[in-house]
């Protein structure tokens, strides 16, 4: 089992190498627990139409690179697009035929509720986890909850704790926005 310090060192080294050398990020394989190198494409803070900017060209450039590199899966880390006038963004996103994951960002609900944006993206849960290549990924929803009495409540460990039990045998990678 990886110790936290080794995981952070490996992640930092991989991230630095990624910035200096390539646009592809892959976690190194570890021979134990059937882990393999995992590559994934990440896009964050597209903010389509939020600042009156149409971001289709930026999304197309990202997806062109994704299709060229062919990662194992792709993730958008929030502040992606709105439910209106985003057909072009979603068409680009759906060019990738492999697994795709969404993270809710704080601006994704600027003009709609959480259920509306989740439906557009095909999300069934605002937070979830999945295993891939010997790693356990946790997607957190860091946005506020509004209770029936209109008070705001932060999410806490109750929304992701069950997915990241200390008894899990796989290294845990968390994705969140907000």
N, C-alpha and C. Protein backbone atom coordinates (compact mmCIF):
# COMPACT_ATOMS: atom_id res chain seq x y z
N UNK A 1 0.84 -1.18 0.00
CA UNK A 1 0.00 0.00 0.00
C UNK A 1 0.88 1.25 0.00
N UNK A 2 0.54 2.20 -0.83
CA UNK A 2 1.32 3.43 -0.90
C UNK A 2 1.12 4.24 0.36
N UNK A 3 2.21 4.83 0.83
CA UNK A 3 2.08 5.78 1.93
C UNK A 3 1.80 7.15 1.32
N UNK A 4 1.14 7.98 2.07
CA UNK A 4 0.74 9.30 1.58
C UNK A 4 1.93 10.08 1.03
N UNK A 5 3.05 10.05 1.75
CA UNK A 5 4.23 10.81 1.34
C UNK A 5 4.73 10.35 -0.03
N UNK A 6 4.78 9.03 -0.25
CA UNK A 6 5.23 8.51 -1.55
C UNK A 6 4.26 8.89 -2.66
N UNK A 7 2.96 8.82 -2.35
CA UNK A 7 1.96 9.20 -3.35
C UNK A 7 2.13 10.67 -3.74
N UNK A 8 2.29 11.56 -2.76
CA UNK A 8 2.44 13.00 -3.04
C UNK A 8 3.72 13.26 -3.83
N UNK A 9 4.82 12.60 -3.46
CA UNK A 9 6.07 12.77 -4.20
C UNK A 9 5.91 12.33 -5.66
N UNK A 10 5.29 11.18 -5.85
CA UNK A 10 5.09 10.66 -7.21
C UNK A 10 4.18 11.57 -8.01
N UNK A 11 3.09 12.03 -7.40
CA UNK A 11 2.16 12.92 -8.08
C UNK A 11 2.83 14.24 -8.43
N UNK A 12 3.62 14.80 -7.51
CA UNK A 12 4.32 16.05 -7.78
C UNK A 12 5.33 15.89 -8.90
N UNK A 13 6.07 14.81 -8.88
CA UNK A 13 7.06 14.57 -9.93
C UNK A 13 6.38 14.39 -11.29
N UNK A 14 5.31 13.64 -11.30
CA UNK A 14 4.58 13.43 -12.56
C UNK A 14 3.99 14.73 -13.06
N UNK A 15 3.42 15.53 -12.15
CA UNK A 15 2.83 16.80 -12.54
C UNK A 15 3.86 17.77 -13.08
N UNK A 16 5.03 17.85 -12.42
CA UNK A 16 6.09 18.73 -12.89
C UNK A 16 6.60 18.28 -14.25
N UNK A 17 6.82 17.00 -14.39
CA UNK A 17 7.26 16.47 -15.69
C UNK A 17 6.23 16.75 -16.76
N UNK A 18 4.99 16.64 -16.41
CA UNK A 18 3.90 16.91 -17.34
C UNK A 18 3.95 18.36 -17.82
N UNK A 19 4.12 19.28 -16.91
CA UNK A 19 4.17 20.69 -17.28
C UNK A 19 5.37 21.00 -18.18
N UNK A 20 6.48 20.35 -17.90
CA UNK A 20 7.69 20.63 -18.65
C UNK A 20 7.78 19.89 -19.98
N UNK A 21 7.13 18.75 -20.08
CA UNK A 21 7.38 17.91 -21.24
C UNK A 21 6.19 17.70 -22.16
N UNK A 22 5.02 17.47 -21.61
CA UNK A 22 3.93 17.02 -22.46
C UNK A 22 2.59 17.46 -21.90
N UNK A 23 1.54 17.27 -22.69
CA UNK A 23 0.19 17.57 -22.23
C UNK A 23 -0.50 16.33 -21.70
N UNK A 24 0.18 15.23 -21.65
CA UNK A 24 -0.41 13.97 -21.21
C UNK A 24 0.07 13.68 -19.80
N UNK A 25 -0.85 13.30 -18.95
CA UNK A 25 -0.51 12.96 -17.57
C UNK A 25 -0.83 11.50 -17.33
N UNK A 26 0.13 10.75 -16.84
CA UNK A 26 -0.12 9.34 -16.53
C UNK A 26 0.49 9.03 -15.17
N UNK A 27 -0.29 8.40 -14.31
CA UNK A 27 0.24 7.96 -13.04
C UNK A 27 1.11 6.73 -13.28
N UNK A 28 2.26 6.67 -12.62
CA UNK A 28 3.14 5.52 -12.85
C UNK A 28 2.51 4.23 -12.35
N UNK A 29 2.79 3.17 -13.05
CA UNK A 29 2.27 1.86 -12.66
C UNK A 29 3.04 1.34 -11.46
N UNK A 30 2.37 0.58 -10.67
CA UNK A 30 2.98 -0.09 -9.53
C UNK A 30 2.66 -1.57 -9.71
N UNK A 31 3.62 -2.41 -9.57
CA UNK A 31 3.40 -3.82 -9.86
C UNK A 31 2.43 -4.49 -8.89
N UNK A 32 2.24 -3.92 -7.71
CA UNK A 32 1.31 -4.54 -6.77
C UNK A 32 -0.13 -4.13 -7.07
N UNK A 33 -1.06 -4.94 -6.63
CA UNK A 33 -2.50 -4.66 -6.76
C UNK A 33 -2.97 -4.48 -8.20
N UNK A 34 -2.30 -5.06 -9.15
CA UNK A 34 -2.73 -5.02 -10.55
C UNK A 34 -2.91 -3.61 -11.09
N UNK A 35 -2.08 -2.68 -10.68
CA UNK A 35 -2.18 -1.31 -11.19
C UNK A 35 -1.46 -1.20 -12.52
N UNK A 36 -1.96 -0.31 -13.37
CA UNK A 36 -1.32 -0.04 -14.65
C UNK A 36 -1.23 1.48 -14.81
N UNK A 37 -0.47 1.92 -15.77
CA UNK A 37 -0.42 3.35 -16.06
C UNK A 37 -1.80 3.78 -16.55
N UNK A 38 -2.27 4.89 -16.04
CA UNK A 38 -3.58 5.42 -16.41
C UNK A 38 -3.36 6.80 -17.01
N UNK A 39 -3.93 7.03 -18.18
CA UNK A 39 -3.83 8.37 -18.77
C UNK A 39 -5.24 8.93 -18.91
N UNK A 40 -5.36 10.23 -18.67
CA UNK A 40 -6.68 10.85 -18.79
C UNK A 40 -6.51 12.30 -19.21
N UNK A 41 -7.52 12.78 -19.93
CA UNK A 41 -7.55 14.17 -20.35
C UNK A 41 -8.40 14.97 -19.38
N UNK A 42 -7.94 16.16 -19.03
CA UNK A 42 -8.68 17.01 -18.09
C UNK A 42 -8.88 18.38 -18.71
N UNK A 43 -10.11 18.87 -18.62
CA UNK A 43 -10.39 20.26 -18.97
C UNK A 43 -11.15 20.87 -17.81
N UNK A 44 -10.85 22.11 -17.51
CA UNK A 44 -11.49 22.78 -16.39
C UNK A 44 -11.76 24.23 -16.72
N UNK A 45 -12.81 24.76 -16.14
CA UNK A 45 -13.13 26.18 -16.23
C UNK A 45 -13.28 26.68 -17.66
N UNK A 46 -14.00 25.93 -18.46
CA UNK A 46 -14.29 26.38 -19.82
C UNK A 46 -15.15 27.65 -19.79
N UNK A 47 -16.07 27.73 -18.86
CA UNK A 47 -16.95 28.90 -18.67
C UNK A 47 -17.67 29.30 -19.97
N UNK A 48 -18.17 28.31 -20.70
CA UNK A 48 -18.88 28.60 -21.95
C UNK A 48 -20.06 29.54 -21.70
N UNK A 49 -20.07 30.66 -22.37
CA UNK A 49 -21.10 31.71 -22.32
C UNK A 49 -21.17 32.48 -21.01
N UNK A 50 -20.39 32.14 -20.02
CA UNK A 50 -20.47 32.86 -18.76
C UNK A 50 -20.02 34.31 -18.92
N UNK A 51 -18.99 34.54 -19.68
CA UNK A 51 -18.48 35.89 -19.90
C UNK A 51 -18.78 36.35 -21.33
N UNK A 52 -19.88 35.83 -21.87
CA UNK A 52 -20.32 36.11 -23.23
C UNK A 52 -19.33 35.60 -24.28
N UNK A 53 -18.47 34.69 -23.87
CA UNK A 53 -17.52 34.07 -24.80
C UNK A 53 -18.04 32.71 -25.23
N UNK A 54 -18.03 32.47 -26.52
CA UNK A 54 -18.34 31.14 -27.02
C UNK A 54 -17.04 30.35 -27.04
N UNK A 55 -17.03 29.25 -26.33
CA UNK A 55 -15.79 28.49 -26.14
C UNK A 55 -15.69 27.25 -27.01
N UNK A 56 -16.49 27.16 -28.06
CA UNK A 56 -16.39 25.99 -28.94
C UNK A 56 -14.99 25.80 -29.51
N UNK A 57 -14.28 26.87 -29.95
CA UNK A 57 -12.93 26.63 -30.48
C UNK A 57 -11.97 26.03 -29.45
N UNK A 58 -12.07 26.49 -28.21
CA UNK A 58 -11.21 25.95 -27.16
C UNK A 58 -11.57 24.49 -26.87
N UNK A 59 -12.86 24.19 -26.85
CA UNK A 59 -13.31 22.82 -26.62
C UNK A 59 -12.89 21.91 -27.77
N UNK A 60 -13.00 22.41 -28.99
CA UNK A 60 -12.60 21.62 -30.15
C UNK A 60 -11.10 21.32 -30.10
N UNK A 61 -10.29 22.30 -29.73
CA UNK A 61 -8.83 22.08 -29.63
C UNK A 61 -8.52 21.01 -28.58
N UNK A 62 -9.22 21.08 -27.44
CA UNK A 62 -9.03 20.06 -26.41
C UNK A 62 -9.40 18.68 -26.94
N UNK A 63 -10.57 18.58 -27.57
CA UNK A 63 -11.04 17.28 -28.04
C UNK A 63 -10.18 16.75 -29.20
N UNK A 64 -9.69 17.62 -30.05
CA UNK A 64 -8.78 17.18 -31.11
C UNK A 64 -7.54 16.52 -30.50
N UNK A 65 -7.00 17.13 -29.45
CA UNK A 65 -5.83 16.57 -28.77
C UNK A 65 -6.19 15.25 -28.07
N UNK A 66 -7.35 15.21 -27.43
CA UNK A 66 -7.81 13.98 -26.77
C UNK A 66 -7.89 12.84 -27.78
N UNK A 67 -8.50 13.10 -28.93
CA UNK A 67 -8.64 12.04 -29.93
C UNK A 67 -7.29 11.62 -30.51
N UNK A 68 -6.35 12.54 -30.56
CA UNK A 68 -5.01 12.20 -31.05
C UNK A 68 -4.26 11.34 -30.02
N UNK A 69 -4.36 11.69 -28.75
CA UNK A 69 -3.62 11.00 -27.69
C UNK A 69 -4.32 9.72 -27.25
N UNK A 70 -5.64 9.70 -27.31
CA UNK A 70 -6.46 8.55 -26.93
C UNK A 70 -6.24 8.11 -25.48
N UNK A 71 -6.57 8.99 -24.52
CA UNK A 71 -6.42 8.61 -23.11
C UNK A 71 -7.45 7.56 -22.70
N UNK A 72 -7.27 7.02 -21.51
CA UNK A 72 -8.20 6.01 -21.00
C UNK A 72 -9.58 6.61 -20.74
N UNK A 73 -9.63 7.84 -20.26
CA UNK A 73 -10.89 8.52 -20.01
C UNK A 73 -10.65 10.02 -19.96
N UNK A 74 -11.73 10.80 -19.93
CA UNK A 74 -11.62 12.25 -19.82
C UNK A 74 -12.48 12.75 -18.67
N UNK A 75 -12.08 13.90 -18.11
CA UNK A 75 -12.77 14.51 -16.98
C UNK A 75 -12.90 16.00 -17.26
N UNK A 76 -14.08 16.54 -17.00
CA UNK A 76 -14.21 18.00 -16.97
C UNK A 76 -14.43 18.36 -15.51
N UNK A 77 -13.64 19.32 -15.02
CA UNK A 77 -13.59 19.63 -13.58
C UNK A 77 -14.44 20.82 -13.17
N UNK A 78 -15.51 21.07 -13.88
CA UNK A 78 -16.46 22.10 -13.44
C UNK A 78 -16.35 23.40 -14.19
N UNK A 79 -17.41 24.24 -14.01
CA UNK A 79 -17.55 25.51 -14.71
C UNK A 79 -17.43 25.28 -16.21
N UNK A 80 -18.21 24.35 -16.69
CA UNK A 80 -18.10 23.80 -18.04
C UNK A 80 -19.01 24.53 -19.03
N UNK A 81 -20.31 24.31 -18.94
CA UNK A 81 -21.24 24.94 -19.88
C UNK A 81 -22.62 25.06 -19.26
N UNK A 82 -23.46 25.83 -19.90
CA UNK A 82 -24.82 26.08 -19.42
C UNK A 82 -25.81 25.22 -20.19
N UNK A 83 -27.02 25.09 -19.66
CA UNK A 83 -27.98 24.24 -20.35
C UNK A 83 -28.50 24.82 -21.67
N UNK A 84 -28.39 26.11 -21.86
CA UNK A 84 -28.83 26.72 -23.11
C UNK A 84 -27.63 27.00 -24.01
N UNK A 85 -27.79 26.80 -25.28
CA UNK A 85 -26.79 27.13 -26.31
C UNK A 85 -25.46 26.42 -26.10
N UNK A 86 -25.51 25.21 -25.60
CA UNK A 86 -24.28 24.44 -25.38
C UNK A 86 -24.24 23.17 -26.21
N UNK A 87 -25.08 23.11 -27.24
CA UNK A 87 -25.12 21.92 -28.08
C UNK A 87 -23.77 21.64 -28.72
N UNK A 88 -23.07 22.69 -29.17
CA UNK A 88 -21.75 22.52 -29.79
C UNK A 88 -20.71 22.00 -28.81
N UNK A 89 -20.75 22.48 -27.57
CA UNK A 89 -19.83 22.01 -26.53
C UNK A 89 -20.08 20.53 -26.25
N UNK A 90 -21.34 20.18 -26.07
CA UNK A 90 -21.67 18.79 -25.76
C UNK A 90 -21.37 17.86 -26.95
N UNK A 91 -21.57 18.35 -28.17
CA UNK A 91 -21.22 17.54 -29.35
C UNK A 91 -19.72 17.27 -29.39
N UNK A 92 -18.92 18.28 -29.08
CA UNK A 92 -17.46 18.09 -29.01
C UNK A 92 -17.12 17.08 -27.92
N UNK A 93 -17.67 17.27 -26.73
CA UNK A 93 -17.40 16.38 -25.60
C UNK A 93 -17.71 14.93 -25.95
N UNK A 94 -18.81 14.74 -26.64
CA UNK A 94 -19.26 13.38 -26.95
C UNK A 94 -18.54 12.75 -28.14
N UNK A 95 -17.60 13.47 -28.76
CA UNK A 95 -16.77 12.84 -29.79
C UNK A 95 -15.92 11.73 -29.19
N UNK A 96 -15.55 11.87 -27.93
CA UNK A 96 -14.76 10.83 -27.26
C UNK A 96 -15.70 9.70 -26.88
N UNK A 97 -15.40 8.50 -27.31
CA UNK A 97 -16.29 7.36 -27.10
C UNK A 97 -15.97 6.57 -25.84
N UNK A 98 -14.88 6.92 -25.15
CA UNK A 98 -14.52 6.22 -23.92
C UNK A 98 -15.25 6.80 -22.72
N UNK A 99 -14.87 6.37 -21.53
CA UNK A 99 -15.51 6.88 -20.32
C UNK A 99 -15.26 8.39 -20.15
N UNK A 100 -16.32 9.08 -19.72
CA UNK A 100 -16.27 10.53 -19.50
C UNK A 100 -16.86 10.82 -18.12
N UNK A 101 -16.21 11.72 -17.40
CA UNK A 101 -16.65 12.05 -16.04
C UNK A 101 -16.80 13.56 -15.89
N UNK A 102 -17.83 13.94 -15.13
CA UNK A 102 -18.12 15.35 -14.87
C UNK A 102 -17.98 15.65 -13.39
N UNK A 103 -17.51 16.85 -13.09
CA UNK A 103 -17.46 17.39 -11.74
C UNK A 103 -18.26 18.68 -11.75
N UNK A 104 -19.16 18.86 -10.81
CA UNK A 104 -19.95 20.08 -10.74
C UNK A 104 -19.09 21.23 -10.23
N UNK A 105 -19.11 22.35 -10.94
CA UNK A 105 -18.41 23.55 -10.51
C UNK A 105 -19.39 24.56 -9.95
N UNK A 106 -18.87 25.56 -9.25
CA UNK A 106 -19.76 26.53 -8.63
C UNK A 106 -20.53 27.36 -9.65
N UNK A 107 -20.01 27.57 -10.84
CA UNK A 107 -20.73 28.37 -11.84
C UNK A 107 -21.65 27.55 -12.74
N UNK A 108 -21.62 26.25 -12.60
CA UNK A 108 -22.47 25.42 -13.44
C UNK A 108 -23.95 25.59 -13.12
N UNK A 109 -24.25 26.09 -11.94
CA UNK A 109 -25.64 26.32 -11.54
C UNK A 109 -25.98 27.80 -11.49
N UNK A 110 -25.25 28.65 -12.20
CA UNK A 110 -25.55 30.09 -12.21
C UNK A 110 -26.92 30.40 -12.79
N UNK A 111 -27.34 29.64 -13.80
CA UNK A 111 -28.61 29.95 -14.48
C UNK A 111 -29.61 28.78 -14.41
N UNK A 112 -29.30 27.76 -13.63
CA UNK A 112 -30.20 26.61 -13.50
C UNK A 112 -29.93 25.92 -12.18
N UNK A 113 -30.74 24.92 -11.89
CA UNK A 113 -30.49 24.16 -10.67
C UNK A 113 -29.57 22.97 -10.98
N UNK A 114 -29.13 22.33 -9.93
CA UNK A 114 -28.18 21.23 -10.07
C UNK A 114 -28.75 20.09 -10.91
N UNK A 115 -30.02 19.77 -10.72
CA UNK A 115 -30.65 18.68 -11.47
C UNK A 115 -30.66 18.93 -12.97
N UNK A 116 -30.84 20.19 -13.37
CA UNK A 116 -30.88 20.54 -14.80
C UNK A 116 -29.51 20.31 -15.45
N UNK A 117 -28.46 20.79 -14.81
CA UNK A 117 -27.12 20.64 -15.41
C UNK A 117 -26.68 19.18 -15.37
N UNK A 118 -27.05 18.47 -14.30
CA UNK A 118 -26.71 17.05 -14.23
C UNK A 118 -27.41 16.27 -15.33
N UNK A 119 -28.65 16.62 -15.63
CA UNK A 119 -29.38 15.94 -16.71
C UNK A 119 -28.71 16.19 -18.05
N UNK A 120 -28.28 17.43 -18.30
CA UNK A 120 -27.59 17.76 -19.55
C UNK A 120 -26.34 16.91 -19.72
N UNK A 121 -25.62 16.72 -18.65
CA UNK A 121 -24.35 15.98 -18.70
C UNK A 121 -24.53 14.48 -18.53
N UNK A 122 -25.73 14.02 -18.20
CA UNK A 122 -25.94 12.59 -17.99
C UNK A 122 -25.43 12.10 -16.65
N UNK A 123 -25.31 13.00 -15.68
CA UNK A 123 -24.86 12.62 -14.34
C UNK A 123 -26.05 12.08 -13.54
N UNK A 124 -25.86 10.97 -12.87
CA UNK A 124 -26.93 10.43 -12.04
C UNK A 124 -26.77 10.83 -10.58
N UNK A 125 -25.55 11.19 -10.18
CA UNK A 125 -25.26 11.60 -8.80
C UNK A 125 -24.35 12.83 -8.83
N UNK A 126 -24.51 13.75 -7.88
CA UNK A 126 -23.62 14.92 -7.86
C UNK A 126 -22.21 14.58 -7.37
N UNK A 127 -22.06 13.46 -6.69
CA UNK A 127 -20.76 12.97 -6.28
C UNK A 127 -20.77 11.46 -6.42
N UNK A 128 -19.63 10.89 -6.72
CA UNK A 128 -19.56 9.45 -6.99
C UNK A 128 -18.11 9.02 -6.98
N UNK A 129 -17.88 7.75 -7.15
CA UNK A 129 -16.52 7.24 -7.25
C UNK A 129 -16.49 6.13 -8.28
N UNK A 130 -15.29 5.84 -8.75
CA UNK A 130 -15.12 4.76 -9.72
C UNK A 130 -13.70 4.24 -9.63
N UNK A 131 -13.51 3.00 -10.01
CA UNK A 131 -12.19 2.38 -10.05
C UNK A 131 -11.74 2.30 -11.50
N UNK A 132 -10.45 2.55 -11.71
CA UNK A 132 -9.90 2.45 -13.05
C UNK A 132 -8.42 2.13 -12.95
N UNK A 133 -8.01 1.07 -13.61
CA UNK A 133 -6.59 0.73 -13.71
C UNK A 133 -5.90 0.50 -12.38
N UNK A 134 -6.62 0.05 -11.37
CA UNK A 134 -6.00 -0.19 -10.07
C UNK A 134 -6.00 1.03 -9.17
N UNK A 135 -6.72 2.10 -9.54
CA UNK A 135 -6.83 3.30 -8.73
C UNK A 135 -8.30 3.57 -8.45
N UNK A 136 -8.57 4.19 -7.33
CA UNK A 136 -9.93 4.56 -6.94
C UNK A 136 -10.07 6.08 -7.06
N UNK A 137 -10.97 6.54 -7.90
CA UNK A 137 -11.20 7.96 -8.12
C UNK A 137 -12.47 8.40 -7.40
N UNK A 138 -12.42 9.53 -6.73
CA UNK A 138 -13.57 10.08 -6.02
C UNK A 138 -13.88 11.44 -6.62
N UNK A 139 -15.12 11.64 -7.04
CA UNK A 139 -15.58 12.93 -7.56
C UNK A 139 -16.47 13.54 -6.49
N UNK A 140 -16.06 14.71 -6.01
CA UNK A 140 -16.78 15.36 -4.91
C UNK A 140 -17.59 16.54 -5.43
N UNK A 141 -18.71 16.76 -4.81
CA UNK A 141 -19.52 17.95 -5.07
C UNK A 141 -19.28 18.90 -3.92
N UNK A 142 -18.50 19.95 -4.17
CA UNK A 142 -18.15 20.90 -3.12
C UNK A 142 -19.07 22.11 -3.10
N UNK A 143 -20.19 22.04 -3.74
CA UNK A 143 -21.14 23.15 -3.76
C UNK A 143 -22.05 23.06 -2.54
N UNK A 144 -22.63 24.18 -2.18
CA UNK A 144 -23.50 24.23 -1.01
C UNK A 144 -24.79 23.46 -1.22
N UNK A 145 -25.32 22.97 -0.13
CA UNK A 145 -26.66 22.39 -0.10
C UNK A 145 -27.59 23.43 0.49
N UNK A 146 -28.77 23.57 -0.06
CA UNK A 146 -29.78 24.46 0.50
C UNK A 146 -30.83 23.59 1.18
N UNK A 147 -30.95 23.75 2.49
CA UNK A 147 -31.93 22.96 3.24
C UNK A 147 -33.32 23.56 3.05
N UNK A 148 -34.34 22.81 3.47
CA UNK A 148 -35.72 23.26 3.32
C UNK A 148 -35.98 24.59 4.01
N UNK A 149 -35.24 24.89 5.09
CA UNK A 149 -35.44 26.17 5.78
C UNK A 149 -34.60 27.29 5.16
N UNK A 150 -34.06 27.04 3.95
CA UNK A 150 -33.25 27.99 3.17
C UNK A 150 -31.86 28.26 3.76
N UNK A 151 -31.45 27.52 4.78
CA UNK A 151 -30.09 27.68 5.28
C UNK A 151 -29.14 26.90 4.38
N UNK A 152 -27.92 27.39 4.29
CA UNK A 152 -26.90 26.75 3.46
C UNK A 152 -26.01 25.87 4.32
N UNK A 153 -25.69 24.71 3.79
CA UNK A 153 -24.87 23.75 4.51
C UNK A 153 -23.74 23.31 3.61
N UNK A 154 -22.52 23.30 4.15
CA UNK A 154 -21.39 22.76 3.40
C UNK A 154 -21.51 21.25 3.35
N UNK A 155 -21.06 20.67 2.24
CA UNK A 155 -20.87 19.24 2.24
C UNK A 155 -19.72 18.94 3.17
N UNK A 156 -19.74 17.79 3.77
CA UNK A 156 -18.63 17.36 4.60
C UNK A 156 -18.29 15.92 4.21
N UNK A 157 -17.60 15.24 5.07
CA UNK A 157 -17.18 13.87 4.74
C UNK A 157 -18.34 12.94 4.44
N UNK A 158 -19.55 13.33 4.82
CA UNK A 158 -20.67 12.44 4.58
C UNK A 158 -20.96 12.26 3.10
N UNK A 159 -20.48 13.18 2.25
CA UNK A 159 -20.77 13.00 0.82
C UNK A 159 -19.70 12.20 0.09
N UNK A 160 -18.54 12.02 0.67
CA UNK A 160 -17.53 11.24 -0.03
C UNK A 160 -16.88 10.18 0.84
N UNK A 161 -17.02 10.28 2.13
CA UNK A 161 -16.41 9.32 3.04
C UNK A 161 -16.71 7.88 2.72
N UNK A 162 -17.98 7.54 2.41
CA UNK A 162 -18.27 6.13 2.12
C UNK A 162 -17.52 5.60 0.90
N UNK A 163 -17.11 6.50 -0.01
CA UNK A 163 -16.41 6.07 -1.21
C UNK A 163 -14.90 5.92 -0.99
N UNK A 164 -14.40 6.48 0.11
CA UNK A 164 -12.95 6.50 0.29
C UNK A 164 -12.55 5.92 1.65
N UNK A 165 -13.16 4.85 2.01
CA UNK A 165 -12.87 4.19 3.27
C UNK A 165 -11.37 3.93 3.41
N UNK A 166 -10.83 4.13 4.61
CA UNK A 166 -9.40 3.84 4.81
C UNK A 166 -9.07 2.37 4.59
N UNK A 167 -10.09 1.53 4.50
CA UNK A 167 -9.87 0.11 4.30
C UNK A 167 -9.82 -0.27 2.82
N UNK A 168 -9.99 0.71 1.92
CA UNK A 168 -9.90 0.41 0.49
C UNK A 168 -8.47 0.02 0.18
N UNK A 169 -8.30 -0.83 -0.79
CA UNK A 169 -6.96 -1.31 -1.13
C UNK A 169 -6.31 -0.51 -2.26
N UNK A 170 -7.04 0.40 -2.90
CA UNK A 170 -6.50 1.16 -4.03
C UNK A 170 -6.14 2.57 -3.61
N UNK A 171 -5.12 3.17 -4.20
CA UNK A 171 -4.84 4.58 -3.95
C UNK A 171 -6.05 5.41 -4.37
N UNK A 172 -6.33 6.47 -3.64
CA UNK A 172 -7.53 7.29 -3.88
C UNK A 172 -7.12 8.61 -4.52
N UNK A 173 -7.81 8.98 -5.60
CA UNK A 173 -7.58 10.24 -6.29
C UNK A 173 -8.89 11.01 -6.27
N UNK A 174 -8.88 12.22 -5.72
CA UNK A 174 -10.10 13.02 -5.61
C UNK A 174 -10.12 14.11 -6.66
N UNK A 175 -11.29 14.30 -7.29
CA UNK A 175 -11.54 15.38 -8.23
C UNK A 175 -12.65 16.24 -7.65
N UNK A 176 -12.44 17.52 -7.57
CA UNK A 176 -13.51 18.39 -7.10
C UNK A 176 -13.34 19.78 -7.65
N UNK A 177 -14.39 20.53 -7.55
CA UNK A 177 -14.39 21.92 -7.97
C UNK A 177 -15.25 22.68 -6.98
N UNK A 178 -15.26 23.98 -7.11
CA UNK A 178 -16.15 24.77 -6.27
C UNK A 178 -15.41 25.53 -5.24
